[in-house]
Amino acid sequence: MTADGATPDTGPQARAGALLRHPKLWLMPTVLTGLLALLLSLLYMGGIVSPQRDLHDLPIALVNADRGKPLPGQKENLGTQITRAVVADGVAGKAEWRTLTLRQAQDELGSDKVYGALVIPSGFTDSAAALTTTRATARPTLTVLTNPAKGSLGSSLASQITTAAAHQASLTIGKQLTGEAPNADSTRKLLLADPVSVTTQVGHPLGNHSGLGLSAFYYTLLLVLAGFMGGNVLSNGVDTGLGYADNEIGPWHTRRPTVPINRTQTLLLKMAMTAGITVISVSLVMLACVGILGMDATHLPLLWIYSYCAVLTVGLGVQAINAAFGGIGQLVSMFVFIVLGLPSSGATVPLQAVPGFYRFLSHFEPMRQLSDGVRAILYFDARSDAGLARAWTMIAIGALLALLFGFAMTAYYDRKGHKRLTPQPA
C-alpha cells in the first residue's frame, strides 16, 4: 500500500513453496547465520569458560606488619618468613603479590588496583610463640581482605589464592612450633600442627544495592546499548524521513519524497540529532537505575555527565560506521561495541583470567574503557587514579576517531560521486 492508500497492481504472486526450492535463496542467509552463531559462541564462551586455567598475575596486596622477635634458632620472624615464601611461590604465577604497608594496601583496595589482600598482624610471631607455652590466650591470625568492587568472580579468585597461601603458611609454622614443644601432649600437638586462624573481612565494602559488585558492569552495558540501539534507530529514522528508506509497520507502508542531500550533510544531521536525543536517553537511564530501582550511586552530576559523554561517543561511532559501511553497518557496529566488547571488558571476569586475545582487545575496546570510569564513580569515590582519568581520555579519543573516520569516508564518497540509491517519490 502506498502513501495515498492505493494498492498497486503487482501481477502474479510468487509462492513460498516454489521459492524454497531455489538454492541461491538459501545460500547467503545460511552462511551468515552459521558464521554468526559460531563466532558468538567462540567469543563469548572463550572468555569465561576457563578462568582458573587462564589466570595469571592477579594483583593482590601482601601486608607484613609483624614486629615480633624471631623464634629460637631463626634469623627472621614468622611474618618475614611468610612474606618471603608467599612471594617466592607466587601460586604458580597466578598471583602478583605486592608487598605493601597496611595503609598502602587500603589505598590500593580503594582505588581499583588490587583484588584483595593478605594481612599479617603486628603481634603474629609473639602469638605463635606463646602456643608452645602456658601463656597462650588466642591463636595467631592471618586476615584475608576481599574487594567486592572488583566483581564477585575477581574477588572470589583473590580470596581463594590468599586463603590457600595462609593455610600453607600455617602448616609451615606448625612444623617449627612442633619442634619447639617436643613434650607437648597429643591435643597441643594437634593445635601446633595447624596453629594459624584465617579470617576473611571485606577490605573495600560496597552498599547493599550494588549488585555484589556487578552494578557497574550492567550500568555500563546499558550505556553501550543506549548508544548502539539509539544510534541505529535514529539512523534508520532519518533515512526514512529523508526518503532514502521505506517505512513499513505491519500492513502499512509509507514512502516519503526524497530530500536532496549528500552523504556528508546526512552524517552531520545524524550526529547532531544523536547529541540532542542522548540527553533524554541518559536521563531516563539514570532515572530508572538510581531513582526507581535505587542503585547505589554518588557523584550524580558527574555520573550524568560521564554517562552522556559515553553514550554520545558510542552513538557517534555507530553513525560513522553506518555511513562508511551502509547496509552492513549495523552488524559491524554490533561486533565493535558489543560482541567483542563484552568478553574483553574485564567487568565480570578479570582480564588476568581471560586468554591473551581478550587482553589485547581490552586496550581499545570501548566497553572496557567505559566500565573503568563507571566503576571509579560508583565504587571508588570518583578517584581519577581508579580508572576515571583513563576513561575520560579514551572517551575523547573515541569521539575524535568517530568524527574523523565518519566524515573522511562520507567526504570521499561525495568526492567520487557515489550517490545513495534513492527510491522514486511517491
Protein backbone atom coordinates (compact mmCIF):
# COMPACT_ATOMS: atom_id res chain seq x y z
CA MET A 1 0.00 0.00 0.00
CA THR A 2 1.39 3.40 -0.99
CA ALA A 3 1.19 6.68 0.93
CA ASP A 4 -2.15 7.58 -0.72
CA GLY A 5 -3.71 4.26 0.30
CA ALA A 6 -3.81 2.73 -3.20
CA THR A 7 -2.85 -0.87 -3.83
CA PRO A 8 -0.57 -1.20 -6.87
CA ASP A 9 -1.02 -3.92 -9.43
CA THR A 10 1.72 -6.41 -8.69
CA GLY A 11 0.80 -9.13 -11.20
CA PRO A 12 1.16 -12.86 -10.49
CA GLN A 13 2.27 -13.63 -6.92
CA ALA A 14 5.19 -15.95 -6.13
CA ARG A 15 4.57 -18.96 -3.88
CA ALA A 16 6.78 -19.70 -0.85
CA GLY A 17 6.92 -23.40 -1.71
CA ALA A 18 8.34 -22.69 -5.12
CA LEU A 19 10.91 -20.22 -3.81
CA LEU A 20 12.14 -22.68 -1.18
CA ARG A 21 13.45 -24.87 -3.99
CA HIS A 22 15.95 -22.20 -5.11
CA PRO A 23 19.41 -22.93 -3.57
CA LYS A 24 20.65 -19.37 -4.12
CA LEU A 25 17.94 -18.04 -1.85
CA TRP A 26 19.24 -20.24 0.97
CA LEU A 27 22.96 -19.63 0.46
CA MET A 28 23.62 -16.18 1.93
CA PRO A 29 21.29 -16.39 4.98
CA THR A 30 22.60 -19.86 5.84
CA VAL A 31 26.27 -18.87 5.62
CA LEU A 32 25.84 -15.61 7.56
CA THR A 33 23.70 -17.03 10.38
CA GLY A 34 26.02 -20.02 10.73
CA LEU A 35 29.12 -17.81 10.92
CA LEU A 36 27.43 -15.52 13.44
CA ALA A 37 26.43 -18.43 15.66
CA LEU A 38 29.95 -19.86 15.51
CA LEU A 39 31.70 -16.53 16.18
CA LEU A 40 29.39 -15.57 19.03
CA SER A 41 29.88 -18.96 20.68
CA LEU A 42 33.67 -18.84 20.38
CA LEU A 43 33.97 -15.22 21.50
CA TYR A 44 31.61 -15.30 24.46
CA MET A 45 32.39 -18.74 25.88
CA GLY A 46 36.08 -18.40 25.06
CA GLY A 47 36.37 -15.54 27.51
CA ILE A 48 34.79 -17.19 30.55
CA VAL A 49 34.99 -20.96 30.18
CA SER A 50 38.36 -21.47 31.95
CA PRO A 51 39.26 -18.54 34.23
CA GLN A 52 41.34 -20.76 36.54
CA ARG A 53 43.39 -22.09 33.63
CA ASP A 54 43.99 -18.64 32.11
CA LEU A 55 44.56 -16.87 35.42
CA HIS A 56 47.95 -15.23 35.88
CA ASP A 57 49.38 -12.20 37.73
CA LEU A 58 46.22 -11.30 39.62
CA PRO A 59 47.30 -8.28 41.71
CA ILE A 60 46.97 -8.99 45.45
CA ALA A 61 48.42 -6.97 48.33
CA LEU A 62 50.62 -8.64 50.96
CA VAL A 63 50.97 -6.75 54.25
CA ASN A 64 53.57 -7.77 56.82
CA ALA A 65 53.01 -5.75 60.00
CA ASP A 66 54.70 -8.35 62.25
CA ARG A 67 57.29 -6.78 64.58
CA GLY A 68 57.92 -9.77 66.85
CA LYS A 69 61.33 -11.25 67.60
CA PRO A 70 62.37 -14.39 65.68
CA LEU A 71 61.74 -17.78 67.24
CA PRO A 72 64.76 -19.52 68.84
CA GLY A 73 67.18 -20.63 66.17
CA GLN A 74 65.55 -18.47 63.46
CA LYS A 75 67.02 -15.34 61.83
CA GLU A 76 63.67 -13.81 60.81
CA ASN A 77 60.32 -13.53 62.48
CA LEU A 78 57.37 -15.50 61.15
CA GLY A 79 55.86 -12.56 59.29
CA THR A 80 59.01 -12.05 57.24
CA GLN A 81 59.27 -15.79 56.58
CA ILE A 82 55.68 -15.96 55.37
CA THR A 83 56.16 -12.91 53.15
CA ARG A 84 59.29 -14.35 51.59
CA ALA A 85 57.68 -17.75 50.99
CA VAL A 86 54.46 -16.35 49.52
CA VAL A 87 56.25 -14.00 47.12
CA ALA A 88 58.69 -16.73 46.05
CA ASP A 89 55.92 -19.24 45.42
CA GLY A 90 53.61 -16.84 43.58
CA VAL A 91 50.95 -19.58 43.39
CA ALA A 92 52.46 -20.84 40.14
CA GLY A 93 52.26 -17.38 38.59
CA LYS A 94 48.56 -16.94 39.27
CA ALA A 95 49.09 -14.01 41.64
CA GLU A 96 51.15 -10.85 41.50
CA TRP A 97 51.92 -10.24 45.17
CA ARG A 98 52.50 -6.59 46.03
CA THR A 99 54.35 -6.10 49.33
CA LEU A 100 52.73 -3.02 50.88
CA THR A 101 52.08 -1.35 54.19
CA LEU A 102 48.57 -1.60 55.60
CA ARG A 103 47.82 1.99 54.59
CA GLN A 104 49.10 1.40 51.06
CA ALA A 105 47.03 -1.77 50.78
CA GLN A 106 43.88 0.04 51.90
CA ASP A 107 44.59 2.78 49.35
CA GLU A 108 45.01 0.26 46.52
CA LEU A 109 41.86 -1.59 47.58
CA GLY A 110 40.06 1.75 47.38
CA SER A 111 41.50 2.74 44.00
CA ASP A 112 40.73 -0.35 41.92
CA LYS A 113 44.33 -1.60 41.88
CA VAL A 114 44.23 -4.90 43.80
CA TYR A 115 41.67 -7.70 44.09
CA GLY A 116 42.36 -8.48 47.73
CA ALA A 117 44.99 -8.57 50.44
CA LEU A 118 46.65 -10.92 52.95
CA VAL A 119 47.50 -9.17 56.24
CA ILE A 120 49.99 -10.44 58.83
CA PRO A 121 49.26 -8.55 62.08
CA SER A 122 51.85 -6.85 64.29
CA GLY A 123 51.93 -9.47 67.08
CA PHE A 124 51.83 -12.53 64.87
CA THR A 125 55.18 -14.09 65.89
CA ASP A 126 54.56 -13.45 69.59
CA SER A 127 51.11 -15.09 69.39
CA ALA A 128 52.55 -18.11 67.62
CA ALA A 129 55.43 -18.46 70.10
CA ALA A 130 53.01 -18.33 73.04
CA LEU A 131 51.31 -21.51 71.81
CA THR A 132 54.35 -23.52 72.94
CA THR A 133 53.91 -22.21 76.50
CA THR A 134 51.12 -21.79 79.01
CA ARG A 135 50.82 -18.06 78.17
CA ALA A 136 48.72 -18.57 75.01
CA THR A 137 45.44 -16.66 75.02
CA ALA A 138 44.49 -16.91 71.34
CA ARG A 139 45.64 -18.49 68.10
CA PRO A 140 47.70 -16.29 65.76
CA THR A 141 45.52 -14.90 62.97
CA LEU A 142 46.03 -14.06 59.32
CA THR A 143 43.43 -11.80 57.75
CA VAL A 144 42.17 -12.09 54.17
CA LEU A 145 40.71 -8.84 52.81
CA THR A 146 38.33 -9.04 49.84
CA ASN A 147 37.45 -6.36 47.31
CA PRO A 148 33.88 -6.89 46.02
CA ALA A 149 34.16 -3.69 43.97
CA LYS A 150 36.36 -5.69 41.56
CA GLY A 151 33.45 -8.01 40.82
CA SER A 152 32.30 -11.16 42.55
CA LEU A 153 34.42 -13.51 40.44
CA GLY A 154 37.61 -11.47 40.72
CA SER A 155 37.20 -11.04 44.47
CA SER A 156 36.48 -14.76 44.83
CA LEU A 157 39.61 -15.75 42.88
CA ALA A 158 41.75 -13.47 45.05
CA SER A 159 40.15 -14.85 48.20
CA GLN A 160 40.91 -18.42 47.13
CA ILE A 161 44.55 -17.59 46.46
CA THR A 162 45.11 -15.66 49.69
CA THR A 163 43.31 -18.28 51.79
CA ALA A 164 45.38 -21.07 50.27
CA ALA A 165 48.58 -19.10 50.96
CA ALA A 166 47.50 -18.54 54.57
CA HIS A 167 46.78 -22.21 55.17
CA GLN A 168 50.11 -23.21 53.65
CA ALA A 169 51.84 -20.73 55.95
CA SER A 170 50.03 -22.27 58.92
CA LEU A 171 51.32 -25.74 58.10
CA THR A 172 54.88 -24.45 57.69
CA ILE A 173 54.74 -22.61 61.01
CA GLY A 174 53.23 -25.69 62.62
CA LYS A 175 56.37 -27.71 61.82
CA GLN A 176 58.53 -25.12 63.57
CA LEU A 177 56.29 -24.92 66.65
CA THR A 178 56.02 -28.69 66.96
CA GLY A 179 59.80 -28.86 67.10
CA GLU A 180 59.82 -26.23 69.87
CA ALA A 181 57.48 -28.34 72.07
CA PRO A 182 58.56 -31.99 71.77
CA ASN A 183 56.93 -32.96 75.07
CA ALA A 184 53.50 -31.50 74.31
CA ASP A 185 50.50 -33.74 74.77
CA SER A 186 48.51 -35.03 71.80
CA THR A 187 45.91 -32.25 72.00
CA ARG A 188 48.52 -29.49 71.99
CA LYS A 189 50.45 -31.20 69.16
CA LEU A 190 47.26 -31.21 67.10
CA LEU A 191 46.88 -27.47 67.68
CA LEU A 192 50.55 -26.78 66.94
CA ALA A 193 50.38 -28.73 63.65
CA ASP A 194 47.96 -26.16 62.16
CA PRO A 195 48.14 -23.21 64.54
CA VAL A 196 47.00 -20.22 62.46
CA SER A 197 43.43 -18.99 62.29
CA VAL A 198 42.40 -17.42 58.98
CA THR A 199 39.66 -14.78 58.98
CA THR A 200 38.05 -13.07 56.00
CA GLN A 201 36.93 -9.46 56.00
CA VAL A 202 35.69 -7.05 53.36
CA GLY A 203 38.57 -4.73 52.53
CA HIS A 204 36.53 -2.25 50.46
CA PRO A 205 32.82 -2.54 51.32
CA LEU A 206 30.00 -1.71 48.92
CA GLY A 207 26.41 -0.74 49.51
CA ASN A 208 23.58 -3.26 49.58
CA HIS A 209 22.29 -2.04 46.20
CA SER A 210 25.47 -2.54 44.19
CA GLY A 211 24.68 -5.95 42.74
CA LEU A 212 27.58 -7.59 44.62
CA GLY A 213 29.98 -5.52 42.55
CA LEU A 214 28.16 -6.06 39.23
CA SER A 215 26.06 -2.89 39.07
CA ALA A 216 28.92 -1.02 37.38
CA PHE A 217 29.08 -3.62 34.60
CA TYR A 218 25.35 -3.65 33.95
CA TYR A 219 25.16 0.14 34.06
CA THR A 220 27.99 0.28 31.51
CA LEU A 221 26.15 -2.25 29.36
CA LEU A 222 23.07 -0.01 29.49
CA LEU A 223 25.14 2.95 28.30
CA VAL A 224 26.61 0.98 25.40
CA LEU A 225 23.20 -0.40 24.41
CA ALA A 226 21.64 3.06 24.64
CA GLY A 227 24.28 4.43 22.27
CA PHE A 228 24.21 1.43 19.94
CA MET A 229 20.46 0.91 19.68
CA GLY A 230 19.65 4.63 19.81
CA GLY A 231 22.18 5.35 17.08
CA ASN A 232 20.75 2.70 14.77
CA VAL A 233 17.13 3.69 15.42
CA LEU A 234 17.97 7.33 14.75
CA SER A 235 19.91 6.47 11.60
CA ASN A 236 17.01 4.46 10.19
CA GLY A 237 14.53 7.15 11.19
CA VAL A 238 16.46 9.89 9.46
CA ASP A 239 16.84 7.80 6.29
CA THR A 240 13.10 7.18 6.32
CA GLY A 241 12.30 10.84 6.96
CA LEU A 242 14.57 11.97 4.12
CA GLY A 243 13.08 9.46 1.69
CA TYR A 244 16.09 7.15 1.43
CA ALA A 245 14.31 4.20 3.04
CA ASP A 246 10.75 2.92 3.18
CA ASN A 247 8.79 2.79 6.41
CA GLU A 248 6.78 -0.40 6.87
CA ILE A 249 4.83 -1.23 10.03
CA GLY A 250 2.67 -4.30 9.67
CA PRO A 251 0.49 -3.80 6.55
CA TRP A 252 1.14 -0.05 6.49
CA HIS A 253 3.78 1.20 4.13
CA THR A 254 4.87 4.79 3.53
CA ARG A 255 7.45 6.35 1.27
CA ARG A 256 8.35 9.98 1.65
CA PRO A 257 9.66 12.21 -1.14
CA THR A 258 13.44 12.14 -1.36
CA VAL A 259 15.27 15.16 0.05
CA PRO A 260 18.36 16.04 -2.00
CA ILE A 261 21.28 15.87 0.43
CA ASN A 262 24.81 14.49 0.17
CA ARG A 263 26.38 11.93 2.46
CA THR A 264 28.44 14.39 4.50
CA GLN A 265 25.44 16.57 5.34
CA THR A 266 23.39 13.48 6.17
CA LEU A 267 26.05 12.31 8.63
CA LEU A 268 26.26 15.79 10.17
CA LEU A 269 22.48 15.77 10.63
CA LYS A 270 22.51 12.34 12.26
CA MET A 271 25.37 13.20 14.62
CA ALA A 272 23.73 16.47 15.66
CA MET A 273 20.46 14.68 16.38
CA THR A 274 22.38 12.00 18.30
CA ALA A 275 23.85 14.68 20.57
CA GLY A 276 20.38 16.05 21.29
CA ILE A 277 18.48 12.80 21.81
CA THR A 278 21.23 11.37 24.03
CA VAL A 279 20.28 13.94 26.69
CA ILE A 280 16.88 12.27 27.03
CA SER A 281 18.10 8.65 26.89
CA VAL A 282 20.82 9.18 29.51
CA SER A 283 18.43 10.98 31.83
CA LEU A 284 15.96 8.10 31.58
CA VAL A 285 18.67 5.51 32.22
CA MET A 286 19.69 7.29 35.42
CA LEU A 287 16.06 7.81 36.43
CA ALA A 288 15.39 4.08 36.08
CA CYS A 289 18.59 2.84 37.73
CA VAL A 290 19.04 5.34 40.53
CA GLY A 291 15.63 6.92 41.01
CA ILE A 292 13.32 3.93 40.56
CA LEU A 293 15.47 0.87 41.27
CA GLY A 294 17.59 2.51 43.96
CA MET A 295 21.05 1.59 42.66
CA ASP A 296 23.77 2.84 44.99
CA ALA A 297 25.36 5.86 43.34
CA THR A 298 27.10 9.02 44.45
CA HIS A 299 28.51 11.97 42.49
CA LEU A 300 25.26 12.08 40.48
CA PRO A 301 26.07 15.20 38.41
CA LEU A 302 29.41 13.68 37.43
CA LEU A 303 27.75 10.33 36.71
CA TRP A 304 25.24 12.05 34.39
CA ILE A 305 27.92 13.98 32.52
CA TYR A 306 30.09 10.88 32.18
CA SER A 307 27.12 8.79 31.05
CA TYR A 308 26.16 11.41 28.46
CA CYS A 309 29.67 11.56 27.01
CA ALA A 310 29.90 7.75 26.97
CA VAL A 311 26.56 7.23 25.19
CA LEU A 312 27.28 10.08 22.78
CA THR A 313 30.66 8.59 21.84
CA VAL A 314 29.08 5.21 21.13
CA GLY A 315 26.30 6.90 19.13
CA LEU A 316 28.80 8.89 17.06
CA GLY A 317 30.73 5.70 16.40
CA VAL A 318 27.55 3.95 15.22
CA GLN A 319 26.73 6.81 12.85
CA ALA A 320 30.26 6.82 11.45
CA ILE A 321 30.26 3.05 10.89
CA ASN A 322 26.81 3.12 9.25
CA ALA A 323 27.91 5.97 6.98
CA ALA A 324 31.04 4.05 5.96
CA PHE A 325 29.60 0.53 5.55
CA GLY A 326 25.99 1.19 4.58
CA GLY A 327 23.62 -1.75 4.97
CA ILE A 328 26.03 -3.94 6.96
CA GLY A 329 27.00 -1.07 9.26
CA GLN A 330 24.66 -2.25 12.00
CA LEU A 331 26.33 -5.66 12.00
CA VAL A 332 29.81 -4.13 12.06
CA SER A 333 28.95 -1.78 14.92
CA MET A 334 27.39 -4.68 16.84
CA PHE A 335 30.73 -6.50 16.74
CA VAL A 336 32.73 -3.38 17.60
CA PHE A 337 30.65 -2.25 20.56
CA ILE A 338 29.02 -5.43 21.92
CA VAL A 339 30.28 -8.77 20.60
CA LEU A 340 33.98 -8.00 21.10
CA GLY A 341 33.35 -5.60 23.96
CA LEU A 342 31.59 -7.87 26.46
CA PRO A 343 34.26 -10.59 26.89
CA SER A 344 37.11 -8.04 26.91
CA SER A 345 35.54 -5.58 29.34
CA GLY A 346 37.13 -7.14 32.43
CA ALA A 347 33.96 -6.28 34.35
CA THR A 348 32.71 -9.80 35.06
CA VAL A 349 35.86 -11.89 34.53
CA PRO A 350 39.21 -10.26 35.44
CA LEU A 351 41.43 -9.55 32.46
CA GLN A 352 44.11 -11.58 34.27
CA ALA A 353 41.82 -14.62 33.93
CA VAL A 354 40.99 -14.44 30.20
CA PRO A 355 43.02 -15.56 27.17
CA GLY A 356 45.56 -13.15 25.68
CA PHE A 357 43.32 -12.27 22.72
CA TYR A 358 40.80 -10.61 25.04
CA ARG A 359 43.52 -8.80 26.97
CA PHE A 360 44.70 -7.38 23.66
CA LEU A 361 41.18 -6.22 22.80
CA SER A 362 40.80 -4.60 26.21
CA HIS A 363 43.35 -1.93 25.34
CA PHE A 364 40.97 -0.25 22.90
CA GLU A 365 37.52 -1.90 23.08
CA PRO A 366 35.00 0.79 24.17
CA MET A 367 33.18 -1.25 26.83
CA ARG A 368 36.33 -1.80 28.90
CA GLN A 369 37.18 1.91 28.82
CA LEU A 370 33.66 2.95 29.81
CA SER A 371 33.45 0.29 32.51
CA ASP A 372 36.58 1.58 34.24
CA GLY A 373 35.09 5.04 34.52
CA VAL A 374 31.72 3.85 35.77
CA ARG A 375 33.36 1.64 38.41
CA ALA A 376 35.52 4.54 39.58
CA ILE A 377 32.47 6.79 40.02
CA LEU A 378 30.19 4.20 41.62
CA TYR A 379 32.67 2.30 43.81
CA PHE A 380 35.85 4.34 44.28
CA ASP A 381 34.67 7.86 45.12
CA ALA A 382 35.30 9.08 41.55
CA ARG A 383 39.07 8.87 42.03
CA SER A 384 40.99 9.68 38.87
CA ASP A 385 43.64 7.07 39.67
CA ALA A 386 40.93 4.38 39.92
CA GLY A 387 40.49 4.45 36.14
CA LEU A 388 38.41 7.60 35.69
CA ALA A 389 41.20 9.69 34.15
CA ARG A 390 41.99 7.00 31.60
CA ALA A 391 38.29 6.57 30.83
CA TRP A 392 37.88 10.28 30.06
CA THR A 393 40.94 10.15 27.82
CA MET A 394 39.62 7.14 25.89
CA ILE A 395 36.18 8.74 25.52
CA ALA A 396 37.80 11.81 23.97
CA ILE A 397 39.91 9.67 21.64
CA GLY A 398 36.88 7.57 20.67
CA ALA A 399 34.74 10.60 19.86
CA LEU A 400 37.55 12.14 17.80
CA LEU A 401 38.12 8.92 15.85
CA ALA A 402 34.38 8.60 15.14
CA LEU A 403 34.27 12.14 13.74
CA LEU A 404 37.42 11.76 11.67
CA PHE A 405 36.52 8.33 10.30
CA GLY A 406 32.89 9.16 9.53
CA PHE A 407 33.46 12.46 7.77
CA ALA A 408 36.56 11.20 5.95
CA MET A 409 34.52 8.34 4.45
CA THR A 410 31.49 10.46 3.50
CA ALA A 411 33.73 13.17 2.01
CA TYR A 412 35.48 10.51 -0.06
CA TYR A 413 32.16 9.07 -1.27
CA ASP A 414 30.84 12.52 -2.16
CA ARG A 415 34.03 13.47 -3.99
CA LYS A 416 33.88 10.23 -6.00
CA GLY A 417 30.23 10.83 -6.87
CA HIS A 418 28.93 7.75 -5.03
CA LYS A 419 25.39 8.94 -4.52
CA ARG A 420 22.96 6.99 -2.41
CA LEU A 421 20.35 4.92 -4.21
CA THR A 422 17.10 6.83 -3.84
CA PRO A 423 13.55 5.50 -4.27
CA GLN A 424 11.22 7.39 -6.54
CA PRO A 425 8.94 9.97 -4.88
CA ALA A 426 5.51 8.61 -4.02
